Amino acid sequence: MRISFDLDDTLICDRRYVPCEPNRVPFFLKPWINEPLRLGTCKLIQELQQYGHEISIYTTSYRSPCYVRLWLLCYGIKVAEVINQKIHNTSLSRYPGDSLPSKNPRAFGIDLHVDDSEGVKLEGKKYGFKVVVVAPDDRSWNWTVLEAISRWQKT
């Protein structure tokens, strides 16, 4: 299964309110890369990859794919693909119509998207892609993701 994760308020959360992974960014990169990674991300992604799932990042931010890959590599996480707003816009501009979703994982061959936004979940229902919503303050968010994957694999 191909699974994508949003960044802001999903994998990157406000460290004042959400527990974070210990910072693994080398000191010489910290001036450029210093975003907190949500606690449990490393273990969850490692587990998903061990089960054969392919992991991508799908964000509406304009962070470069190189930046995102490097940041995650500092935590030992390798992702198959990074889709940012620029890539999303370029890819979906070939589809006619004025009303396009803010994200469309299905257009990139992604089976399940993990996001903090209920709006993205509503778009998923409208445009036919699967979304699991995790709140930024959900301490058991990783279990929410694992349960959703288990549920959808059975169908």
N, C-alpha and C. Protein backbone atom coordinates (compact mmCIF):
# COMPACT_ATOMS: atom_id res chain seq x y z
N MET A 1 0.85 -1.18 0.00
CA MET A 1 0.00 0.00 0.00
C MET A 1 0.89 1.23 0.00
N ARG A 2 0.53 2.22 -0.80
CA ARG A 2 1.25 3.50 -0.81
C ARG A 2 0.53 4.45 0.14
N ILE A 3 1.27 4.98 1.10
CA ILE A 3 0.71 5.83 2.15
C ILE A 3 1.45 7.16 2.15
N SER A 4 0.70 8.26 2.17
CA SER A 4 1.33 9.57 2.25
C SER A 4 0.95 10.26 3.56
N PHE A 5 1.85 11.13 3.99
CA PHE A 5 1.65 11.91 5.21
C PHE A 5 1.76 13.39 4.88
N ASP A 6 0.88 14.18 5.49
CA ASP A 6 0.97 15.63 5.44
C ASP A 6 2.09 16.05 6.39
N LEU A 7 2.58 17.27 6.24
CA LEU A 7 3.61 17.77 7.15
C LEU A 7 3.02 18.62 8.27
N ASP A 8 2.57 19.84 7.95
CA ASP A 8 2.16 20.79 8.98
C ASP A 8 0.96 20.31 9.78
N ASP A 9 1.14 20.27 11.08
CA ASP A 9 0.15 19.82 12.06
C ASP A 9 -0.17 18.33 11.97
N THR A 10 0.63 17.60 11.17
CA THR A 10 0.53 16.14 11.14
C THR A 10 1.86 15.54 11.58
N LEU A 11 2.91 15.72 10.79
CA LEU A 11 4.24 15.26 11.21
C LEU A 11 5.06 16.37 11.87
N ILE A 12 4.76 17.60 11.52
CA ILE A 12 5.41 18.75 12.16
C ILE A 12 4.36 19.43 13.03
N CYS A 13 4.58 19.42 14.33
CA CYS A 13 3.62 20.02 15.26
C CYS A 13 4.33 21.02 16.17
N ASP A 14 3.54 21.87 16.77
CA ASP A 14 4.08 22.87 17.69
C ASP A 14 4.64 22.18 18.92
N ARG A 15 5.95 22.28 19.09
CA ARG A 15 6.61 21.54 20.17
C ARG A 15 6.18 21.97 21.56
N ARG A 16 5.51 23.11 21.67
CA ARG A 16 5.02 23.54 22.99
C ARG A 16 3.82 22.70 23.44
N TYR A 17 3.11 22.12 22.48
CA TYR A 17 1.88 21.40 22.80
C TYR A 17 1.92 19.92 22.44
N VAL A 18 2.83 19.54 21.56
CA VAL A 18 2.86 18.17 21.06
C VAL A 18 4.25 17.58 21.32
N PRO A 19 4.31 16.39 21.93
CA PRO A 19 5.61 15.76 22.14
C PRO A 19 6.31 15.49 20.81
N CYS A 20 7.62 15.68 20.80
CA CYS A 20 8.40 15.53 19.57
C CYS A 20 9.51 14.51 19.75
N GLU A 21 9.95 13.98 18.63
CA GLU A 21 11.10 13.09 18.61
C GLU A 21 12.31 13.89 19.10
N PRO A 22 13.27 13.23 19.75
CA PRO A 22 14.51 13.93 20.08
C PRO A 22 15.15 14.45 18.79
N ASN A 23 15.63 15.67 18.82
CA ASN A 23 16.18 16.29 17.62
C ASN A 23 17.44 15.55 17.17
N ARG A 24 17.43 15.05 15.96
CA ARG A 24 18.56 14.29 15.41
C ARG A 24 19.27 15.05 14.28
N VAL A 25 18.89 16.30 14.07
CA VAL A 25 19.51 17.09 13.01
C VAL A 25 20.91 17.48 13.47
N PRO A 26 21.95 17.19 12.66
CA PRO A 26 23.30 17.57 13.05
C PRO A 26 23.42 19.08 13.25
N PHE A 27 24.28 19.48 14.18
CA PHE A 27 24.39 20.89 14.56
C PHE A 27 24.65 21.80 13.36
N PHE A 28 25.41 21.32 12.38
CA PHE A 28 25.76 22.17 11.25
C PHE A 28 24.59 22.39 10.27
N LEU A 29 23.53 21.57 10.39
CA LEU A 29 22.33 21.75 9.55
C LEU A 29 21.22 22.52 10.27
N LYS A 30 21.32 22.64 11.59
CA LYS A 30 20.25 23.27 12.37
C LYS A 30 19.90 24.70 11.96
N PRO A 31 20.84 25.50 11.46
CA PRO A 31 20.42 26.84 10.99
C PRO A 31 19.42 26.77 9.83
N TRP A 32 19.42 25.67 9.06
CA TRP A 32 18.53 25.55 7.90
C TRP A 32 17.41 24.54 8.13
N ILE A 33 17.66 23.55 8.95
CA ILE A 33 16.67 22.49 9.18
C ILE A 33 16.47 22.36 10.68
N ASN A 34 15.36 22.86 11.16
CA ASN A 34 15.15 22.80 12.60
C ASN A 34 13.66 22.68 12.93
N GLU A 35 12.97 21.82 12.23
CA GLU A 35 11.54 21.63 12.49
C GLU A 35 11.34 20.39 13.36
N PRO A 36 10.41 20.48 14.30
CA PRO A 36 10.19 19.33 15.19
C PRO A 36 9.41 18.22 14.49
N LEU A 37 9.82 16.99 14.72
CA LEU A 37 9.12 15.82 14.18
C LEU A 37 8.28 15.21 15.29
N ARG A 38 7.03 14.99 15.00
CA ARG A 38 6.08 14.46 15.97
C ARG A 38 6.55 13.14 16.57
N LEU A 39 6.41 13.02 17.87
CA LEU A 39 6.80 11.80 18.58
C LEU A 39 6.03 10.60 18.03
N GLY A 40 6.75 9.53 17.77
CA GLY A 40 6.14 8.31 17.26
C GLY A 40 6.28 8.14 15.76
N THR A 41 6.71 9.20 15.07
CA THR A 41 6.82 9.15 13.61
C THR A 41 7.85 8.13 13.16
N CYS A 42 9.02 8.16 13.77
CA CYS A 42 10.10 7.24 13.35
C CYS A 42 9.65 5.79 13.47
N LYS A 43 9.11 5.44 14.61
CA LYS A 43 8.69 4.06 14.86
C LYS A 43 7.55 3.66 13.92
N LEU A 44 6.57 4.55 13.72
CA LEU A 44 5.43 4.24 12.86
C LEU A 44 5.89 4.00 11.42
N ILE A 45 6.69 4.89 10.88
CA ILE A 45 7.12 4.76 9.49
C ILE A 45 8.01 3.53 9.32
N GLN A 46 8.87 3.28 10.28
CA GLN A 46 9.71 2.07 10.23
C GLN A 46 8.83 0.82 10.20
N GLU A 47 7.82 0.79 11.06
CA GLU A 47 6.92 -0.35 11.10
C GLU A 47 6.15 -0.51 9.79
N LEU A 48 5.65 0.58 9.26
CA LEU A 48 4.92 0.52 7.99
C LEU A 48 5.81 0.02 6.86
N GLN A 49 7.03 0.49 6.83
CA GLN A 49 7.95 0.04 5.78
C GLN A 49 8.32 -1.43 5.95
N GLN A 50 8.42 -1.90 7.19
CA GLN A 50 8.71 -3.32 7.43
C GLN A 50 7.58 -4.20 6.91
N TYR A 51 6.35 -3.68 6.95
CA TYR A 51 5.19 -4.42 6.43
C TYR A 51 5.05 -4.27 4.92
N GLY A 52 6.01 -3.57 4.28
CA GLY A 52 6.01 -3.46 2.83
C GLY A 52 5.28 -2.25 2.27
N HIS A 53 4.87 -1.33 3.13
CA HIS A 53 4.20 -0.13 2.65
C HIS A 53 5.23 0.88 2.14
N GLU A 54 4.84 1.61 1.10
CA GLU A 54 5.69 2.66 0.55
C GLU A 54 5.21 3.99 1.12
N ILE A 55 6.13 4.80 1.62
CA ILE A 55 5.79 6.03 2.32
C ILE A 55 6.17 7.24 1.47
N SER A 56 5.23 8.19 1.38
CA SER A 56 5.44 9.45 0.67
C SER A 56 5.03 10.60 1.57
N ILE A 57 5.44 11.78 1.20
CA ILE A 57 5.00 13.01 1.85
C ILE A 57 4.18 13.78 0.84
N TYR A 58 3.02 14.27 1.27
CA TYR A 58 2.15 15.08 0.40
C TYR A 58 1.74 16.31 1.21
N THR A 59 2.30 17.44 0.85
CA THR A 59 2.09 18.66 1.62
C THR A 59 1.66 19.81 0.72
N THR A 60 0.91 20.72 1.26
CA THR A 60 0.55 21.93 0.51
C THR A 60 1.58 23.04 0.73
N SER A 61 2.64 22.73 1.44
CA SER A 61 3.70 23.73 1.63
C SER A 61 4.59 23.74 0.39
N TYR A 62 5.41 24.76 0.31
CA TYR A 62 6.36 24.88 -0.79
C TYR A 62 7.76 24.43 -0.39
N ARG A 63 7.89 23.72 0.72
CA ARG A 63 9.21 23.18 1.09
C ARG A 63 9.70 22.31 -0.06
N SER A 64 10.97 22.44 -0.36
CA SER A 64 11.50 21.66 -1.49
C SER A 64 11.55 20.18 -1.12
N PRO A 65 11.35 19.30 -2.11
CA PRO A 65 11.48 17.87 -1.84
C PRO A 65 12.85 17.52 -1.26
N CYS A 66 13.89 18.19 -1.72
CA CYS A 66 15.25 17.94 -1.21
C CYS A 66 15.33 18.26 0.28
N TYR A 67 14.77 19.40 0.68
CA TYR A 67 14.76 19.80 2.09
C TYR A 67 14.02 18.75 2.93
N VAL A 68 12.84 18.34 2.48
CA VAL A 68 12.02 17.37 3.23
C VAL A 68 12.76 16.04 3.36
N ARG A 69 13.33 15.57 2.26
CA ARG A 69 14.08 14.30 2.30
C ARG A 69 15.26 14.38 3.26
N LEU A 70 16.01 15.48 3.21
CA LEU A 70 17.18 15.64 4.08
C LEU A 70 16.76 15.70 5.54
N TRP A 71 15.71 16.45 5.84
CA TRP A 71 15.19 16.56 7.21
C TRP A 71 14.80 15.18 7.73
N LEU A 72 14.06 14.42 6.94
CA LEU A 72 13.63 13.09 7.37
C LEU A 72 14.80 12.11 7.48
N LEU A 73 15.76 12.23 6.59
CA LEU A 73 16.94 11.36 6.66
C LEU A 73 17.71 11.54 7.96
N CYS A 74 17.67 12.75 8.50
CA CYS A 74 18.31 13.00 9.80
C CYS A 74 17.70 12.11 10.88
N TYR A 75 16.46 11.69 10.69
CA TYR A 75 15.76 10.83 11.64
C TYR A 75 15.76 9.37 11.19
N GLY A 76 16.48 9.08 10.11
CA GLY A 76 16.55 7.71 9.62
C GLY A 76 15.36 7.30 8.77
N ILE A 77 14.61 8.28 8.28
CA ILE A 77 13.40 7.99 7.49
C ILE A 77 13.68 8.28 6.02
N LYS A 78 13.46 7.26 5.18
CA LYS A 78 13.56 7.43 3.73
C LYS A 78 12.16 7.34 3.15
N VAL A 79 11.83 8.28 2.28
CA VAL A 79 10.50 8.28 1.65
C VAL A 79 10.65 8.09 0.15
N ALA A 80 9.63 7.51 -0.45
CA ALA A 80 9.66 7.22 -1.88
C ALA A 80 9.45 8.48 -2.70
N GLU A 81 8.65 9.41 -2.19
CA GLU A 81 8.26 10.57 -2.98
C GLU A 81 7.89 11.72 -2.06
N VAL A 82 8.18 12.93 -2.50
CA VAL A 82 7.73 14.13 -1.81
C VAL A 82 6.94 14.97 -2.81
N ILE A 83 5.68 15.19 -2.50
CA ILE A 83 4.82 16.01 -3.34
C ILE A 83 4.54 17.29 -2.58
N ASN A 84 5.02 18.40 -3.10
CA ASN A 84 4.74 19.69 -2.46
C ASN A 84 3.70 20.45 -3.29
N GLN A 85 3.40 21.69 -2.91
CA GLN A 85 2.36 22.44 -3.60
C GLN A 85 2.72 22.67 -5.08
N LYS A 86 3.97 22.93 -5.35
CA LYS A 86 4.40 23.17 -6.73
C LYS A 86 4.16 21.93 -7.60
N ILE A 87 4.56 20.77 -7.10
CA ILE A 87 4.37 19.52 -7.85
C ILE A 87 2.88 19.23 -8.01
N HIS A 88 2.12 19.43 -6.95
CA HIS A 88 0.67 19.24 -6.98
C HIS A 88 0.05 20.11 -8.07
N ASN A 89 0.38 21.41 -8.06
CA ASN A 89 -0.19 22.34 -9.04
C ASN A 89 0.17 21.96 -10.46
N THR A 90 1.42 21.63 -10.69
CA THR A 90 1.88 21.26 -12.02
C THR A 90 1.18 20.00 -12.51
N SER A 91 1.08 19.02 -11.65
CA SER A 91 0.49 17.74 -12.02
C SER A 91 -1.02 17.84 -12.26
N LEU A 92 -1.71 18.58 -11.41
CA LEU A 92 -3.17 18.65 -11.54
C LEU A 92 -3.64 19.73 -12.52
N SER A 93 -2.74 20.57 -13.00
CA SER A 93 -3.14 21.62 -13.94
C SER A 93 -3.60 21.03 -15.26
N ARG A 94 -3.23 19.80 -15.54
CA ARG A 94 -3.65 19.17 -16.80
C ARG A 94 -5.09 18.67 -16.77
N TYR A 95 -5.70 18.69 -15.57
CA TYR A 95 -7.09 18.27 -15.45
C TYR A 95 -8.01 19.47 -15.64
N PRO A 96 -9.00 19.34 -16.49
CA PRO A 96 -9.91 20.48 -16.70
C PRO A 96 -10.80 20.71 -15.50
N GLY A 97 -11.27 21.93 -15.36
CA GLY A 97 -12.20 22.25 -14.29
C GLY A 97 -11.62 23.25 -13.32
N ASP A 98 -12.51 23.99 -12.71
CA ASP A 98 -12.10 25.03 -11.78
C ASP A 98 -11.97 24.52 -10.36
N SER A 99 -12.71 23.49 -10.03
CA SER A 99 -12.77 23.02 -8.66
C SER A 99 -11.89 21.78 -8.47
N LEU A 100 -10.64 22.01 -8.09
CA LEU A 100 -9.74 20.90 -7.81
C LEU A 100 -9.51 20.81 -6.31
N PRO A 101 -9.30 19.60 -5.80
CA PRO A 101 -9.05 19.46 -4.37
C PRO A 101 -7.69 20.03 -3.98
N SER A 102 -7.55 20.38 -2.71
CA SER A 102 -6.26 20.88 -2.22
C SER A 102 -5.19 19.80 -2.29
N LYS A 103 -5.62 18.55 -2.20
CA LYS A 103 -4.74 17.39 -2.36
C LYS A 103 -5.51 16.34 -3.13
N ASN A 104 -4.79 15.54 -3.90
CA ASN A 104 -5.43 14.43 -4.60
C ASN A 104 -4.46 13.25 -4.66
N PRO A 105 -4.33 12.53 -3.55
CA PRO A 105 -3.38 11.42 -3.49
C PRO A 105 -3.57 10.39 -4.60
N ARG A 106 -4.81 10.16 -4.97
CA ARG A 106 -5.10 9.16 -6.01
C ARG A 106 -4.41 9.50 -7.33
N ALA A 107 -4.28 10.79 -7.62
CA ALA A 107 -3.63 11.22 -8.86
C ALA A 107 -2.15 10.85 -8.88
N PHE A 108 -1.59 10.56 -7.71
CA PHE A 108 -0.19 10.18 -7.60
C PHE A 108 -0.02 8.70 -7.25
N GLY A 109 -1.10 7.93 -7.34
CA GLY A 109 -1.05 6.50 -7.06
C GLY A 109 -0.96 6.16 -5.59
N ILE A 110 -1.39 7.08 -4.74
CA ILE A 110 -1.34 6.87 -3.30
C ILE A 110 -2.67 6.29 -2.83
N ASP A 111 -2.60 5.25 -2.02
CA ASP A 111 -3.79 4.54 -1.56
C ASP A 111 -4.44 5.16 -0.33
N LEU A 112 -3.63 5.76 0.55
CA LEU A 112 -4.14 6.32 1.80
C LEU A 112 -3.31 7.54 2.17
N HIS A 113 -4.00 8.61 2.56
CA HIS A 113 -3.32 9.83 2.98
C HIS A 113 -3.64 10.11 4.44
N VAL A 114 -2.61 10.51 5.20
CA VAL A 114 -2.75 10.84 6.62
C VAL A 114 -2.61 12.35 6.75
N ASP A 115 -3.62 13.00 7.35
CA ASP A 115 -3.65 14.47 7.42
C ASP A 115 -4.35 14.89 8.70
N ASP A 116 -4.16 16.16 9.07
CA ASP A 116 -4.85 16.70 10.24
C ASP A 116 -6.15 17.39 9.87
N SER A 117 -6.42 17.55 8.59
CA SER A 117 -7.54 18.38 8.13
C SER A 117 -8.80 17.59 7.82
N GLU A 118 -9.88 17.98 8.48
CA GLU A 118 -11.19 17.39 8.16
C GLU A 118 -11.62 17.79 6.75
N GLY A 119 -11.16 18.96 6.29
CA GLY A 119 -11.47 19.41 4.94
C GLY A 119 -10.89 18.48 3.88
N VAL A 120 -9.68 17.99 4.12
CA VAL A 120 -9.07 17.04 3.19
C VAL A 120 -9.86 15.73 3.21
N LYS A 121 -10.36 15.35 4.37
CA LYS A 121 -11.19 14.14 4.45
C LYS A 121 -12.48 14.30 3.63
N LEU A 122 -13.08 15.48 3.71
CA LEU A 122 -14.28 15.76 2.92
C LEU A 122 -13.97 15.72 1.42
N GLU A 123 -12.81 16.28 1.05
CA GLU A 123 -12.39 16.22 -0.35
C GLU A 123 -12.17 14.77 -0.78
N GLY A 124 -11.65 13.96 0.13
CA GLY A 124 -11.46 12.55 -0.16
C GLY A 124 -12.76 11.86 -0.51
N LYS A 125 -13.81 12.18 0.23
CA LYS A 125 -15.12 11.59 -0.06
C LYS A 125 -15.63 12.06 -1.42
N LYS A 126 -15.43 13.33 -1.70
CA LYS A 126 -15.91 13.92 -2.96
C LYS A 126 -15.14 13.41 -4.17
N TYR A 127 -13.81 13.29 -4.03
CA TYR A 127 -12.97 12.95 -5.17
C TYR A 127 -12.49 11.50 -5.17
N GLY A 128 -12.91 10.72 -4.18
CA GLY A 128 -12.63 9.29 -4.20
C GLY A 128 -11.25 8.86 -3.75
N PHE A 129 -10.72 9.49 -2.70
CA PHE A 129 -9.46 9.00 -2.13
C PHE A 129 -9.62 8.83 -0.62
N LYS A 130 -8.82 7.92 -0.07
CA LYS A 130 -8.94 7.58 1.35
C LYS A 130 -8.05 8.48 2.20
N VAL A 131 -8.64 8.96 3.30
CA VAL A 131 -7.93 9.85 4.22
C VAL A 131 -8.20 9.39 5.65
N VAL A 132 -7.16 9.36 6.45
CA VAL A 132 -7.33 9.18 7.88
C VAL A 132 -6.87 10.49 8.53
N VAL A 133 -7.73 11.02 9.39
CA VAL A 133 -7.44 12.30 10.06
C VAL A 133 -6.89 12.03 11.45
N VAL A 134 -5.76 12.69 11.75
CA VAL A 134 -5.17 12.62 13.09
C VAL A 134 -5.04 14.05 13.61
N ALA A 135 -5.56 14.28 14.79
CA ALA A 135 -5.48 15.60 15.40
C ALA A 135 -4.06 15.85 15.91
N PRO A 136 -3.60 17.10 15.83
CA PRO A 136 -2.25 17.40 16.32
C PRO A 136 -2.03 17.02 17.79
N ASP A 137 -3.10 17.07 18.59
CA ASP A 137 -2.95 16.77 20.02
C ASP A 137 -3.29 15.32 20.37
N ASP A 138 -3.50 14.47 19.37
CA ASP A 138 -3.83 13.06 19.60
C ASP A 138 -2.55 12.31 19.96
N ARG A 139 -2.41 11.91 21.22
CA ARG A 139 -1.20 11.22 21.68
C ARG A 139 -1.10 9.79 21.14
N SER A 140 -2.22 9.22 20.71
CA SER A 140 -2.20 7.86 20.16
C SER A 140 -2.46 7.88 18.65
N TRP A 141 -1.98 8.93 18.01
CA TRP A 141 -2.22 9.12 16.58
C TRP A 141 -1.68 7.96 15.75
N ASN A 142 -0.55 7.39 16.17
CA ASN A 142 0.02 6.30 15.39
C ASN A 142 -0.90 5.07 15.38
N TRP A 143 -1.59 4.82 16.49
CA TRP A 143 -2.55 3.71 16.53
C TRP A 143 -3.74 4.00 15.63
N THR A 144 -4.15 5.25 15.56
CA THR A 144 -5.24 5.65 14.66
C THR A 144 -4.86 5.31 13.22
N VAL A 145 -3.63 5.60 12.85
CA VAL A 145 -3.14 5.30 11.49
C VAL A 145 -3.10 3.79 11.26
N LEU A 146 -2.52 3.05 12.19
CA LEU A 146 -2.41 1.59 12.03
C LEU A 146 -3.78 0.92 11.94
N GLU A 147 -4.73 1.38 12.75
CA GLU A 147 -6.09 0.82 12.70
C GLU A 147 -6.76 1.11 11.37
N ALA A 148 -6.58 2.32 10.85
CA ALA A 148 -7.17 2.68 9.55
C ALA A 148 -6.58 1.81 8.44
N ILE A 149 -5.29 1.60 8.46
CA ILE A 149 -4.64 0.77 7.44
C ILE A 149 -5.17 -0.66 7.53
N SER A 150 -5.24 -1.18 8.73
CA SER A 150 -5.76 -2.54 8.93
C SER A 150 -7.19 -2.66 8.42
N ARG A 151 -8.01 -1.67 8.74
CA ARG A 151 -9.42 -1.67 8.32
C ARG A 151 -9.53 -1.65 6.79
N TRP A 152 -8.74 -0.79 6.14
CA TRP A 152 -8.84 -0.65 4.68
C TRP A 152 -8.20 -1.83 3.94
N GLN A 153 -7.26 -2.50 4.55
CA GLN A 153 -6.66 -3.67 3.90
C GLN A 153 -7.63 -4.84 3.89
N LYS A 154 -8.55 -4.88 4.83
CA LYS A 154 -9.52 -5.96 4.91
C LYS A 154 -10.65 -5.80 3.89
N THR A 155 -10.82 -4.57 3.38
CA THR A 155 -11.91 -4.34 2.43
C THR A 155 -11.48 -4.54 1.00
